[in-house]
PDB file of N, CA and C in Angstrom:
ATOM      1  N   MET A   1      44.824  41.600 -20.906  1.00  0.00           N
ATOM      2  CA  MET A   1      45.945  42.538 -21.372  1.00  0.00           C
ATOM      3  C   MET A   1      45.899  42.508 -22.993  1.00  0.00           C
ATOM      4  N   ARG A   2      45.878  41.304 -23.564  1.00  0.00           N
ATOM      5  CA  ARG A   2      46.019  41.223 -24.920  1.00  0.00           C
ATOM      6  C   ARG A   2      44.920  42.186 -25.507  1.00  0.00           C
ATOM      7  N   HIS A   3      43.783  41.761 -25.178  1.00  0.00           N
ATOM      8  CA  HIS A   3      42.552  42.725 -25.782  1.00  0.00           C
ATOM      9  C   HIS A   3      42.683  43.965 -25.508  1.00  0.00           C
ATOM     10  N   ALA A   4      43.170  44.588 -24.388  1.00  0.00           N
ATOM     11  CA  ALA A   4      43.445  45.958 -24.167  1.00  0.00           C
ATOM     12  C   ALA A   4      44.234  46.585 -25.243  1.00  0.00           C
ATOM     13  N   LEU A   5      45.391  45.824 -25.499  1.00  0.00           N
ATOM     14  CA  LEU A   5      46.511  46.273 -26.470  1.00  0.00           C
ATOM     15  C   LEU A   5      45.809  46.346 -27.768  1.00  0.00           C
ATOM     16  N   GLU A   6      45.035  45.261 -28.346  1.00  0.00           N
ATOM     17  CA  GLU A   6      44.379  45.229 -29.509  1.00  0.00           C
ATOM     18  C   GLU A   6      43.465  46.350 -29.689  1.00  0.00           C
ATOM     19  N   VAL A   7      42.717  46.868 -28.778  1.00  0.00           N
ATOM     20  CA  VAL A   7      41.877  47.795 -28.709  1.00  0.00           C
ATOM     21  C   VAL A   7      42.647  49.224 -28.839  1.00  0.00           C
ATOM     22  N   MET A   8      43.578  49.240 -27.966  1.00  0.00           N
ATOM     23  CA  MET A   8      44.425  50.558 -28.064  1.00  0.00           C
ATOM     24  C   MET A   8      44.927  50.688 -29.553  1.00  0.00           C
ATOM     25  N   ASP A   9      45.693  49.553 -30.016  1.00  0.00           N
ATOM     26  CA  ASP A   9      46.154  49.543 -31.431  1.00  0.00           C
ATOM     27  C   ASP A   9      45.135  50.039 -32.586  1.00  0.00           C
ATOM     28  N   GLU A  10      43.911  49.517 -32.294  1.00  0.00           N
ATOM     29  CA  GLU A  10      42.840  49.711 -33.299  1.00  0.00           C
ATOM     30  C   GLU A  10      42.422  51.127 -33.325  1.00  0.00           C
ATOM     31  N   HIS A  11      42.133  51.745 -32.072  1.00  0.00           N
ATOM     32  CA  HIS A  11      41.468  52.880 -31.865  1.00  0.00           C
ATOM     33  C   HIS A  11      42.423  54.090 -31.574  1.00  0.00           C
ATOM     34  N   LYS A  12      43.601  53.753 -31.055  1.00  0.00           N
ATOM     35  CA  LYS A  12      44.548  54.846 -30.866  1.00  0.00           C
ATOM     36  C   LYS A  12      44.224  55.644 -29.607  1.00  0.00           C
ATOM     37  N   LEU A  13      45.100  56.195 -29.133  1.00  0.00           N
ATOM     38  CA  LEU A  13      45.026  57.004 -27.739  1.00  0.00           C
ATOM     39  C   LEU A  13      44.382  58.203 -27.775  1.00  0.00           C
ATOM     40  N   ALA A  14      44.220  58.744 -28.990  1.00  0.00           N
ATOM     41  CA  ALA A  14      43.627  60.113 -29.141  1.00  0.00           C
ATOM     42  C   ALA A  14      41.894  59.814 -29.067  1.00  0.00           C
ATOM     43  N   THR A  15      41.371  58.569 -28.858  1.00  0.00           N
ATOM     44  CA  THR A  15      40.117  58.276 -28.881  1.00  0.00           C
ATOM     45  C   THR A  15      39.618  57.750 -27.368  1.00  0.00           C
ATOM     46  N   GLU A  16      38.532  58.069 -27.193  1.00  0.00           N
ATOM     47  CA  GLU A  16      37.882  57.411 -25.895  1.00  0.00           C
ATOM     48  C   GLU A  16      37.989  56.017 -25.745  1.00  0.00           C
ATOM     49  N   GLU A  17      37.735  55.336 -26.778  1.00  0.00           N
ATOM     50  CA  GLU A  17      38.003  53.776 -26.869  1.00  0.00           C
ATOM     51  C   GLU A  17      39.396  53.453 -26.471  1.00  0.00           C
ATOM     52  N   GLY A  18      40.250  54.010 -27.207  1.00  0.00           N
ATOM     53  CA  GLY A  18      41.813  53.680 -26.963  1.00  0.00           C
ATOM     54  C   GLY A  18      42.322  54.134 -25.500  1.00  0.00           C
ATOM     55  N   GLN A  19      41.868  55.140 -24.932  1.00  0.00           N
ATOM     56  CA  GLN A  19      42.224  55.586 -23.729  1.00  0.00           C
ATOM     57  C   GLN A  19      41.491  54.812 -22.681  1.00  0.00           C
ATOM     58  N   ALA A  20      40.194  54.251 -22.820  1.00  0.00           N
ATOM     59  CA  ALA A  20      39.675  53.316 -21.988  1.00  0.00           C
ATOM     60  C   ALA A  20      40.459  51.930 -21.886  1.00  0.00           C
ATOM     61  N   ALA A  21      40.988  51.604 -23.083  1.00  0.00           N
ATOM     62  CA  ALA A  21      41.639  50.403 -23.156  1.00  0.00           C
ATOM     63  C   ALA A  21      43.045  50.503 -22.559  1.00  0.00           C
ATOM     64  N   ASP A  22      43.633  51.689 -22.625  1.00  0.00           N
ATOM     65  CA  ASP A  22      44.924  52.019 -22.006  1.00  0.00           C
ATOM     66  C   ASP A  22      44.618  51.974 -20.286  1.00  0.00           C
ATOM     67  N   GLN A  23      43.612  52.427 -19.835  1.00  0.00           N
ATOM     68  CA  GLN A  23      43.487  52.430 -18.466  1.00  0.00           C
ATOM     69  C   GLN A  23      43.125  50.748 -18.021  1.00  0.00           C
ATOM     70  N   GLN A  24      42.276  50.156 -18.995  1.00  0.00           N
ATOM     71  CA  GLN A  24      42.206  48.650 -18.540  1.00  0.00           C
ATOM     72  C   GLN A  24      43.660  47.998 -18.582  1.00  0.00           C
ATOM     73  N   PHE A  25      44.407  48.157 -19.500  1.00  0.00           N
ATOM     74  CA  PHE A  25      45.726  47.714 -19.540  1.00  0.00           C
ATOM     75  C   PHE A  25      46.483  47.963 -18.427  1.00  0.00           C
ATOM     76  N   ASP A  26      46.531  49.205 -17.893  1.00  0.00           N
ATOM     77  CA  ASP A  26      47.206  49.828 -16.659  1.00  0.00           C
ATOM     78  C   ASP A  26      46.698  48.973 -15.547  1.00  0.00           C
ATOM     79  N   ALA A  27      45.325  49.005 -15.340  1.00  0.00           N
ATOM     80  CA  ALA A  27      44.682  48.387 -14.128  1.00  0.00           C
ATOM     81  C   ALA A  27      45.217  46.900 -14.177  1.00  0.00           C
ATOM     82  N   ILE A  28      45.117  46.215 -15.221  1.00  0.00           N
ATOM     83  CA  ILE A  28      45.611  44.777 -15.210  1.00  0.00           C
ATOM     84  C   ILE A  28      46.930  44.627 -14.819  1.00  0.00           C
ATOM     85  N   THR A  29      47.773  45.455 -15.412  1.00  0.00           N
ATOM     86  CA  THR A  29      49.161  45.376 -15.039  1.00  0.00           C
ATOM     87  C   THR A  29      49.499  45.595 -13.640  1.00  0.00           C
ATOM     88  N   LEU A  30      48.850  46.531 -13.118  1.00  0.00           N
ATOM     89  CA  LEU A  30      49.048  46.897 -11.633  1.00  0.00           C
ATOM     90  C   LEU A  30      48.567  45.624 -10.885  1.00  0.00           C
ATOM     91  N   GLU A  31      47.478  45.099 -11.162  1.00  0.00           N
ATOM     92  CA  GLU A  31      46.942  43.974 -10.505  1.00  0.00           C
ATOM     93  C   GLU A  31      47.929  42.777 -10.545  1.00  0.00           C
ATOM     94  N   ALA A  32      48.554  42.685 -11.522  1.00  0.00           N
ATOM     95  CA  ALA A  32      49.442  41.617 -11.928  1.00  0.00           C
ATOM     96  C   ALA A  32      50.634  41.624 -11.080  1.00  0.00           C
ATOM     97  N   THR A  33      50.907  42.876 -10.553  1.00  0.00           N
ATOM     98  CA  THR A  33      52.218  42.810  -9.639  1.00  0.00           C
ATOM     99  C   THR A  33      51.962  42.027  -8.555  1.00  0.00           C
ATOM    100  N   GLY A  34      50.781  41.712  -7.978  1.00  0.00           N
ATOM    101  CA  GLY A  34      50.626  41.099  -6.757  1.00  0.00           C
ATOM    102  C   GLY A  34      50.936  41.833  -5.503  1.00  0.00           C
ATOM    103  N   SER A  35      51.291  42.938  -5.724  1.00  0.00           N
ATOM    104  CA  SER A  35      51.800  43.859  -4.600  1.00  0.00           C
ATOM    105  C   SER A  35      50.423  44.456  -3.976  1.00  0.00           C
ATOM    106  N   GLU A  36      50.087  44.373  -2.738  1.00  0.00           N
ATOM    107  CA  GLU A  36      48.917  44.805  -2.024  1.00  0.00           C
ATOM    108  C   GLU A  36      49.179  46.453  -2.177  1.00  0.00           C
ATOM    109  N   LEU A  37      50.291  47.036  -1.845  1.00  0.00           N
ATOM    110  CA  LEU A  37      50.322  48.332  -2.011  1.00  0.00           C
ATOM    111  C   LEU A  37      50.144  48.949  -3.291  1.00  0.00           C
ATOM    112  N   VAL A  38      50.685  48.485  -4.296  1.00  0.00           N
ATOM    113  CA  VAL A  38      50.442  48.767  -5.763  1.00  0.00           C
ATOM    114  C   VAL A  38      48.922  48.730  -6.236  1.00  0.00           C
ATOM    115  N   VAL A  39      48.402  47.610  -5.887  1.00  0.00           N
ATOM    116  CA  VAL A  39      46.929  47.463  -5.964  1.00  0.00           C
ATOM    117  C   VAL A  39      46.138  48.506  -5.300  1.00  0.00           C
ATOM    118  N   ASP A  40      46.463  48.715  -4.116  1.00  0.00           N
ATOM    119  CA  ASP A  40      45.766  49.753  -3.274  1.00  0.00           C
ATOM    120  C   ASP A  40      45.821  51.196  -3.989  1.00  0.00           C
ATOM    121  N   LEU A  41      47.038  51.369  -4.550  1.00  0.00           N
ATOM    122  CA  LEU A  41      47.316  52.758  -5.196  1.00  0.00           C
ATOM    123  C   LEU A  41      46.677  52.708  -6.688  1.00  0.00           C
ATOM    124  N   SER A  42      46.336  51.551  -7.291  1.00  0.00           N
ATOM    125  CA  SER A  42      46.143  51.672  -8.575  1.00  0.00           C
ATOM    126  C   SER A  42      44.923  52.497  -9.022  1.00  0.00           C
ATOM    127  N   GLY A  43      44.045  52.925  -8.512  1.00  0.00           N
ATOM    128  CA  GLY A  43      43.038  53.789  -8.584  1.00  0.00           C
ATOM    129  C   GLY A  43      43.538  55.258  -9.028  1.00  0.00           C
ATOM    130  N   SER A  44      44.492  55.655  -7.987  1.00  0.00           N
ATOM    131  CA  SER A  44      45.366  56.938  -8.195  1.00  0.00           C
ATOM    132  C   SER A  44      46.320  56.841  -9.396  1.00  0.00           C
ATOM    133  N   ILE A  45      46.871  55.914  -9.463  1.00  0.00           N
ATOM    134  CA  ILE A  45      47.856  55.605 -10.708  1.00  0.00           C
ATOM    135  C   ILE A  45      47.114  55.752 -11.938  1.00  0.00           C
ATOM    136  N   THR A  46      45.985  54.916 -12.088  1.00  0.00           N
ATOM    137  CA  THR A  46      45.358  55.003 -13.345  1.00  0.00           C
ATOM    138  C   THR A  46      44.628  56.335 -13.760  1.00  0.00           C
ATOM    139  N   ALA A  47      44.206  57.021 -12.529  1.00  0.00           N
ATOM    140  CA  ALA A  47      43.750  58.322 -12.709  1.00  0.00           C
ATOM    141  C   ALA A  47      44.703  59.288 -13.284  1.00  0.00           C
ATOM    142  N   ALA A  48      45.967  59.257 -12.705  1.00  0.00           N
ATOM    143  CA  ALA A  48      47.002  60.068 -13.161  1.00  0.00           C
ATOM    144  C   ALA A  48      47.467  59.644 -14.591  1.00  0.00           C
ATOM    145  N   VAL A  49      47.481  58.591 -14.881  1.00  0.00           N
ATOM    146  CA  VAL A  49      47.731  58.188 -16.399  1.00  0.00           C
ATOM    147  C   VAL A  49      46.597  58.492 -17.412  1.00  0.00           C
ATOM    148  N   ARG A  50      45.478  58.436 -16.891  1.00  0.00           N
ATOM    149  CA  ARG A  50      44.294  58.828 -17.643  1.00  0.00           C
ATOM    150  C   ARG A  50      44.440  60.422 -17.968  1.00  0.00           C
ATOM    151  N   TRP A  51      44.559  61.184 -17.004  1.00  0.00           N
ATOM    152  CA  TRP A  51      44.744  62.809 -17.144  1.00  0.00           C
ATOM    153  C   TRP A  51      45.987  63.043 -18.065  1.00  0.00           C
ATOM    154  N   THR A  52      47.003  62.339 -17.730  1.00  0.00           N
ATOM    155  CA  THR A  52      48.063  62.803 -18.583  1.00  0.00           C
ATOM    156  C   THR A  52      48.092  62.293 -20.058  1.00  0.00           C
ATOM    157  N   THR A  53      47.421  61.258 -20.329  1.00  0.00           N
ATOM    158  CA  THR A  53      47.081  60.824 -21.644  1.00  0.00           C
ATOM    159  C   THR A  53      46.051  61.709 -22.383  1.00  0.00           C
ATOM    160  N   TYR A  54      45.107  62.192 -21.576  1.00  0.00           N
ATOM    161  CA  TYR A  54      44.059  63.073 -22.051  1.00  0.00           C
ATOM    162  C   TYR A  54      44.603  64.321 -22.323  1.00  0.00           C
ATOM    163  N   PHE A  55      45.644  64.826 -21.733  1.00  0.00           N
ATOM    164  CA  PHE A  55      46.329  66.015 -21.904  1.00  0.00           C
ATOM    165  C   PHE A  55      47.192  66.033 -23.026  1.00  0.00           C
ATOM    166  N   LYS A  56      48.047  64.845 -23.335  1.00  0.00           N
ATOM    167  CA  LYS A  56      48.958  64.699 -24.430  1.00  0.00           C
ATOM    168  C   LYS A  56      47.880  64.680 -25.716  1.00  0.00           C
ATOM    169  N   PHE A  57      46.885  64.223 -25.646  1.00  0.00           N
ATOM    170  CA  PHE A  57      46.067  63.912 -26.974  1.00  0.00           C
ATOM    171  C   PHE A  57      44.743  64.760 -26.985  1.00  0.00           C
ATOM    172  N   ARG A  58      44.836  65.889 -26.144  1.00  0.00           N
ATOM    173  CA  ARG A  58      43.714  66.853 -26.000  1.00  0.00           C
ATOM    174  C   ARG A  58      43.455  67.464 -27.489  1.00  0.00           C
ATOM    175  N   ARG A  59      44.315  67.645 -28.338  1.00  0.00           N
ATOM    176  CA  ARG A  59      44.288  68.300 -29.649  1.00  0.00           C
ATOM    177  C   ARG A  59      43.944  67.232 -30.709  1.00  0.00           C
ATOM    178  N   GLN A  60      43.576  66.207 -30.401  1.00  0.00           N
ATOM    179  CA  GLN A  60      43.323  65.123 -31.404  1.00  0.00           C
ATOM    180  C   GLN A  60      44.350  64.792 -32.322  1.00  0.00           C
ATOM    181  N   ARG A  61      45.516  64.821 -31.754  1.00  0.00           N
ATOM    182  CA  ARG A  61      46.746  64.523 -32.603  1.00  0.00           C
ATOM    183  C   ARG A  61      47.642  63.472 -31.817  1.00  0.00           C
ATOM    184  N   MET A  62      48.177  62.816 -32.539  1.00  0.00           N
ATOM    185  CA  MET A  62      49.109  61.650 -31.898  1.00  0.00           C
ATOM    186  C   MET A  62      50.508  62.044 -31.840  1.00  0.00           C
ATOM    187  N   PRO A  63      51.138  62.478 -30.726  1.00  0.00           N
ATOM    188  CA  PRO A  63      52.441  62.931 -30.597  1.00  0.00           C
ATOM    189  C   PRO A  63      53.464  61.840 -31.211  1.00  0.00           C
ATOM    190  N   ARG A  64      53.120  60.560 -30.902  1.00  0.00           N
ATOM    191  CA  ARG A  64      53.746  59.449 -31.383  1.00  0.00           C
ATOM    192  C   ARG A  64      53.190  58.119 -31.000  1.00  0.00           C
ATOM    193  N   ASP A  65      53.414  57.035 -31.634  1.00  0.00           N
ATOM    194  CA  ASP A  65      52.804  55.753 -31.220  1.00  0.00           C
ATOM    195  C   ASP A  65      53.300  55.066 -30.253  1.00  0.00           C
ATOM    196  N   PRO A  66      52.652  54.968 -29.009  1.00  0.00           N
ATOM    197  CA  PRO A  66      53.372  54.432 -27.772  1.00  0.00           C
ATOM    198  C   PRO A  66      52.984  52.908 -27.718  1.00  0.00           C
ATOM    199  N   MET A  67      52.684  52.267 -28.910  1.00  0.00           N
ATOM    200  CA  MET A  67      52.212  50.725 -28.785  1.00  0.00           C
ATOM    201  C   MET A  67      53.493  50.004 -28.369  1.00  0.00           C
ATOM    202  N   SER A  68      54.635  50.270 -28.933  1.00  0.00           N
ATOM    203  CA  SER A  68      55.837  49.303 -28.607  1.00  0.00           C
ATOM    204  C   SER A  68      56.059  49.180 -27.259  1.00  0.00           C
ATOM    205  N   GLU A  69      55.968  50.490 -26.417  1.00  0.00           N
ATOM    206  CA  GLU A  69      56.345  50.478 -25.109  1.00  0.00           C
ATOM    207  C   GLU A  69      55.065  49.814 -24.259  1.00  0.00           C
ATOM    208  N   HIS A  70      54.114  49.800 -24.830  1.00  0.00           N
ATOM    209  CA  HIS A  70      52.954  48.928 -24.220  1.00  0.00           C
ATOM    210  C   HIS A  70      53.078  47.485 -24.350  1.00  0.00           C
ATOM    211  N   ARG A  71      53.460  47.143 -25.581  1.00  0.00           N
ATOM    212  CA  ARG A  71      53.703  45.669 -25.831  1.00  0.00           C
ATOM    213  C   ARG A  71      54.795  44.944 -25.058  1.00  0.00           C
ATOM    214  N   ALA A  72      55.966  45.799 -24.774  1.00  0.00           N
ATOM    215  CA  ALA A  72      56.952  45.217 -24.276  1.00  0.00           C
ATOM    216  C   ALA A  72      56.695  44.520 -22.787  1.00  0.00           C
ATOM    217  N   PRO A  73      55.997  45.249 -21.838  1.00  0.00           N
ATOM    218  CA  PRO A  73      55.559  44.658 -20.460  1.00  0.00           C
ATOM    219  C   PRO A  73      54.732  43.376 -20.758  1.00  0.00           C
ATOM    220  N   PHE A  74      53.640  43.492 -21.712  1.00  0.00           N
ATOM    221  CA  PHE A  74      52.835  42.277 -21.967  1.00  0.00           C
ATOM    222  C   PHE A  74      53.655  41.054 -22.344  1.00  0.00           C
ATOM    223  N   GLU A  75      54.593  41.359 -23.262  1.00  0.00           N
ATOM    224  CA  GLU A  75      55.271  40.118 -23.761  1.00  0.00           C
ATOM    225  C   GLU A  75      56.338  39.605 -22.551  1.00  0.00           C
ATOM    226  N   ALA A  76      56.837  40.535 -21.827  1.00  0.00           N
ATOM    227  CA  ALA A  76      57.566  39.991 -20.652  1.00  0.00           C
ATOM    228  C   ALA A  76      56.845  39.331 -19.764  1.00  0.00           C
ATOM    229  N   ILE A  77      55.740  39.835 -19.345  1.00  0.00           N
ATOM    230  CA  ILE A  77      54.720  39.059 -18.559  1.00  0.00           C
ATOM    231  C   ILE A  77      54.340  37.723 -19.179  1.00  0.00           C
ATOM    232  N   ALA A  78      54.013  37.592 -20.308  1.00  0.00           N
ATOM    233  CA  ALA A  78      53.602  36.416 -20.931  1.00  0.00           C
ATOM    234  C   ALA A  78      54.790  35.374 -21.001  1.00  0.00           C
ATOM    235  N   ALA A  79      55.986  35.812 -21.062  1.00  0.00           N
ATOM    236  CA  ALA A  79      57.044  34.932 -20.949  1.00  0.00           C
ATOM    237  C   ALA A  79      57.560  34.731 -19.529  1.00  0.00           C
ATOM    238  N   GLY A  80      57.067  35.361 -18.476  1.00  0.00           N
ATOM    239  CA  GLY A  80      57.245  35.015 -17.139  1.00  0.00           C
ATOM    240  C   GLY A  80      58.746  35.565 -16.650  1.00  0.00           C
ATOM    241  N   ASP A  81      59.012  36.523 -17.440  1.00  0.00           N
ATOM    242  CA  ASP A  81      60.408  37.258 -17.080  1.00  0.00           C
ATOM    243  C   ASP A  81      60.323  38.468 -16.227  1.00  0.00           C
ATOM    244  N   ALA A  82      60.295  38.306 -14.968  1.00  0.00           N
ATOM    245  CA  ALA A  82      60.063  39.391 -14.078  1.00  0.00           C
ATOM    246  C   ALA A  82      61.100  40.552 -14.223  1.00  0.00           C
ATOM    247  N   PRO A  83      62.322  40.343 -14.380  1.00  0.00           N
ATOM    248  CA  PRO A  83      63.269  41.541 -14.693  1.00  0.00           C
ATOM    249  C   PRO A  83      62.975  42.093 -15.854  1.00  0.00           C
ATOM    250  N   ALA A  84      62.494  41.474 -17.011  1.00  0.00           N
ATOM    251  CA  ALA A  84      62.179  42.156 -18.136  1.00  0.00           C
ATOM    252  C   ALA A  84      60.768  42.871 -17.930  1.00  0.00           C
ATOM    253  N   VAL A  85      59.899  42.440 -17.162  1.00  0.00           N
ATOM    254  CA  VAL A  85      58.703  43.153 -16.989  1.00  0.00           C
ATOM    255  C   VAL A  85      59.116  44.419 -16.284  1.00  0.00           C
ATOM    256  N   ARG A  86      59.971  44.387 -15.221  1.00  0.00           N
ATOM    257  CA  ARG A  86      60.258  45.600 -14.646  1.00  0.00           C
ATOM    258  C   ARG A  86      61.034  46.496 -15.340  1.00  0.00           C
ATOM    259  N   ALA A  87      61.963  46.217 -16.290  1.00  0.00           N
ATOM    260  CA  ALA A  87      62.534  47.043 -17.191  1.00  0.00           C
ATOM    261  C   ALA A  87      61.700  47.622 -18.138  1.00  0.00           C
ATOM    262  N   ALA A  88      60.764  46.775 -18.771  1.00  0.00           N
ATOM    263  CA  ALA A  88      59.891  47.555 -19.866  1.00  0.00           C
ATOM    264  C   ALA A  88      58.899  48.280 -19.177  1.00  0.00           C
ATOM    265  N   THR A  89      58.426  48.175 -17.852  1.00  0.00           N
ATOM    266  CA  THR A  89      57.359  49.070 -17.262  1.00  0.00           C
ATOM    267  C   THR A  89      58.134  50.377 -16.904  1.00  0.00           C
ATOM    268  N   ILE A  90      59.505  50.323 -16.607  1.00  0.00           N
ATOM    269  CA  ILE A  90      60.185  51.331 -16.273  1.00  0.00           C
ATOM    270  C   ILE A  90      60.305  52.327 -17.686  1.00  0.00           C
ATOM    271  N   ALA A  91      60.558  51.641 -18.781  1.00  0.00           N
ATOM    272  CA  ALA A  91      60.765  52.299 -19.860  1.00  0.00           C
ATOM    273  C   ALA A  91      59.400  52.964 -20.444  1.00  0.00           C
ATOM    274  N   LEU A  92      58.467  52.271 -20.143  1.00  0.00           N
ATOM    275  CA  LEU A  92      57.046  52.822 -20.621  1.00  0.00           C
ATOM    276  C   LEU A  92      56.701  54.069 -19.760  1.00  0.00           C
ATOM    277  N   ILE A  93      57.114  54.047 -18.579  1.00  0.00           N
ATOM    278  CA  ILE A  93      56.672  55.162 -17.693  1.00  0.00           C
ATOM    279  C   ILE A  93      57.742  56.381 -17.976  1.00  0.00           C
ATOM    280  N   GLU A  94      58.918  56.085 -18.229  1.00  0.00           N
ATOM    281  CA  GLU A  94      60.035  57.189 -18.653  1.00  0.00           C
ATOM    282  C   GLU A  94      59.503  57.772 -19.944  1.00  0.00           C
ATOM    283  N   GLN A  95      58.995  56.966 -20.937  1.00  0.00           N
ATOM    284  CA  GLN A  95      58.664  57.464 -22.064  1.00  0.00           C
ATOM    285  C   GLN A  95      57.400  58.320 -22.004  1.00  0.00           C
ATOM    286  N   ALA A  96      56.576  57.840 -21.204  1.00  0.00           N
ATOM    287  CA  ALA A  96      55.174  58.552 -20.965  1.00  0.00           C
ATOM    288  C   ALA A  96      55.592  59.914 -20.267  1.00  0.00           C
ATOM    289  N   GLU A  97      56.445  59.929 -19.293  1.00  0.00           N
ATOM    290  CA  GLU A  97      57.038  61.282 -18.885  1.00  0.00           C
ATOM    291  C   GLU A  97      57.657  62.244 -19.758  1.00  0.00           C
ATOM    292  N   ARG A  98      58.411  61.719 -20.676  1.00  0.00           N
ATOM    293  CA  ARG A  98      58.961  62.542 -21.928  1.00  0.00           C
ATOM    294  C   ARG A  98      57.959  62.935 -22.789  1.00  0.00           C
ATOM    295  N   ASP A  99      57.060  62.204 -23.110  1.00  0.00           N
ATOM    296  CA  ASP A  99      55.916  62.663 -24.006  1.00  0.00           C
ATOM    297  C   ASP A  99      55.041  63.654 -23.199  1.00  0.00           C
ATOM    298  N   THR A 100      54.820  63.588 -21.977  1.00  0.00           N
ATOM    299  CA  THR A 100      54.096  64.563 -21.280  1.00  0.00           C
ATOM    300  C   THR A 100      54.773  65.873 -21.194  1.00  0.00           C
ATOM    301  N   GLU A 101      56.171  65.923 -21.159  1.00  0.00           N
ATOM    302  CA  GLU A 101      57.050  66.942 -21.012  1.00  0.00           C
ATOM    303  C   GLU A 101      56.906  67.711 -22.574  1.00  0.00           C
ATOM    304  N   THR A 102      56.918  66.849 -23.435  1.00  0.00           N
ATOM    305  CA  THR A 102      56.758  67.360 -24.905  1.00  0.00           C
ATOM    306  C   THR A 102      55.649  68.209 -25.225  1.00  0.00           C
ATOM    307  N   ALA A 103      54.546  67.515 -24.540  1.00  0.00           N
ATOM    308  CA  ALA A 103      53.059  68.158 -24.787  1.00  0.00           C
ATOM    309  C   ALA A 103      53.044  69.445 -23.966  1.00  0.00           C
ATOM    310  N   LEU A 104      53.921  69.694 -22.833  1.00  0.00           N
ATOM    311  CA  LEU A 104      53.790  70.680 -22.141  1.00  0.00           C
ATOM    312  C   LEU A 104      54.454  71.930 -22.902  1.00  0.00           C
ATOM    313  N   THR A 105      55.386  71.624 -23.710  1.00  0.00           N
ATOM    314  CA  THR A 105      56.117  72.527 -24.373  1.00  0.00           C
ATOM    315  C   THR A 105      55.759  72.829 -25.885  1.00  0.00           C
ATOM    316  N   THR A 106      54.758  72.253 -26.222  1.00  0.00           N
ATOM    317  CA  THR A 106      54.188  72.501 -27.603  1.00  0.00           C
ATOM    318  C   THR A 106      52.884  73.182 -27.580  1.00  0.00           C
TER     319      THR A 106
END
């Protein structure tokens, strides 16, 4: 997860490398849940994230830097703080939704 974050930060989500790292980060996060249902759905979830990310960055511009929202779940996982992982993940998803809505209106 740390490596994926580093690659995302270095290349940014407007690049293929950054988007691939984002997909890797999401897949590892989903696996870390330990939920069979979530793991089974991870292919669909990561595909949806990949396409919304592609859509948001299709014009090679960065609407905003999403790294803080990506670091928060990682740090909570590293700390072993399950409630914080849940809250940080929800915040990441909600911000991604707002970013997608913004991209649709611009």
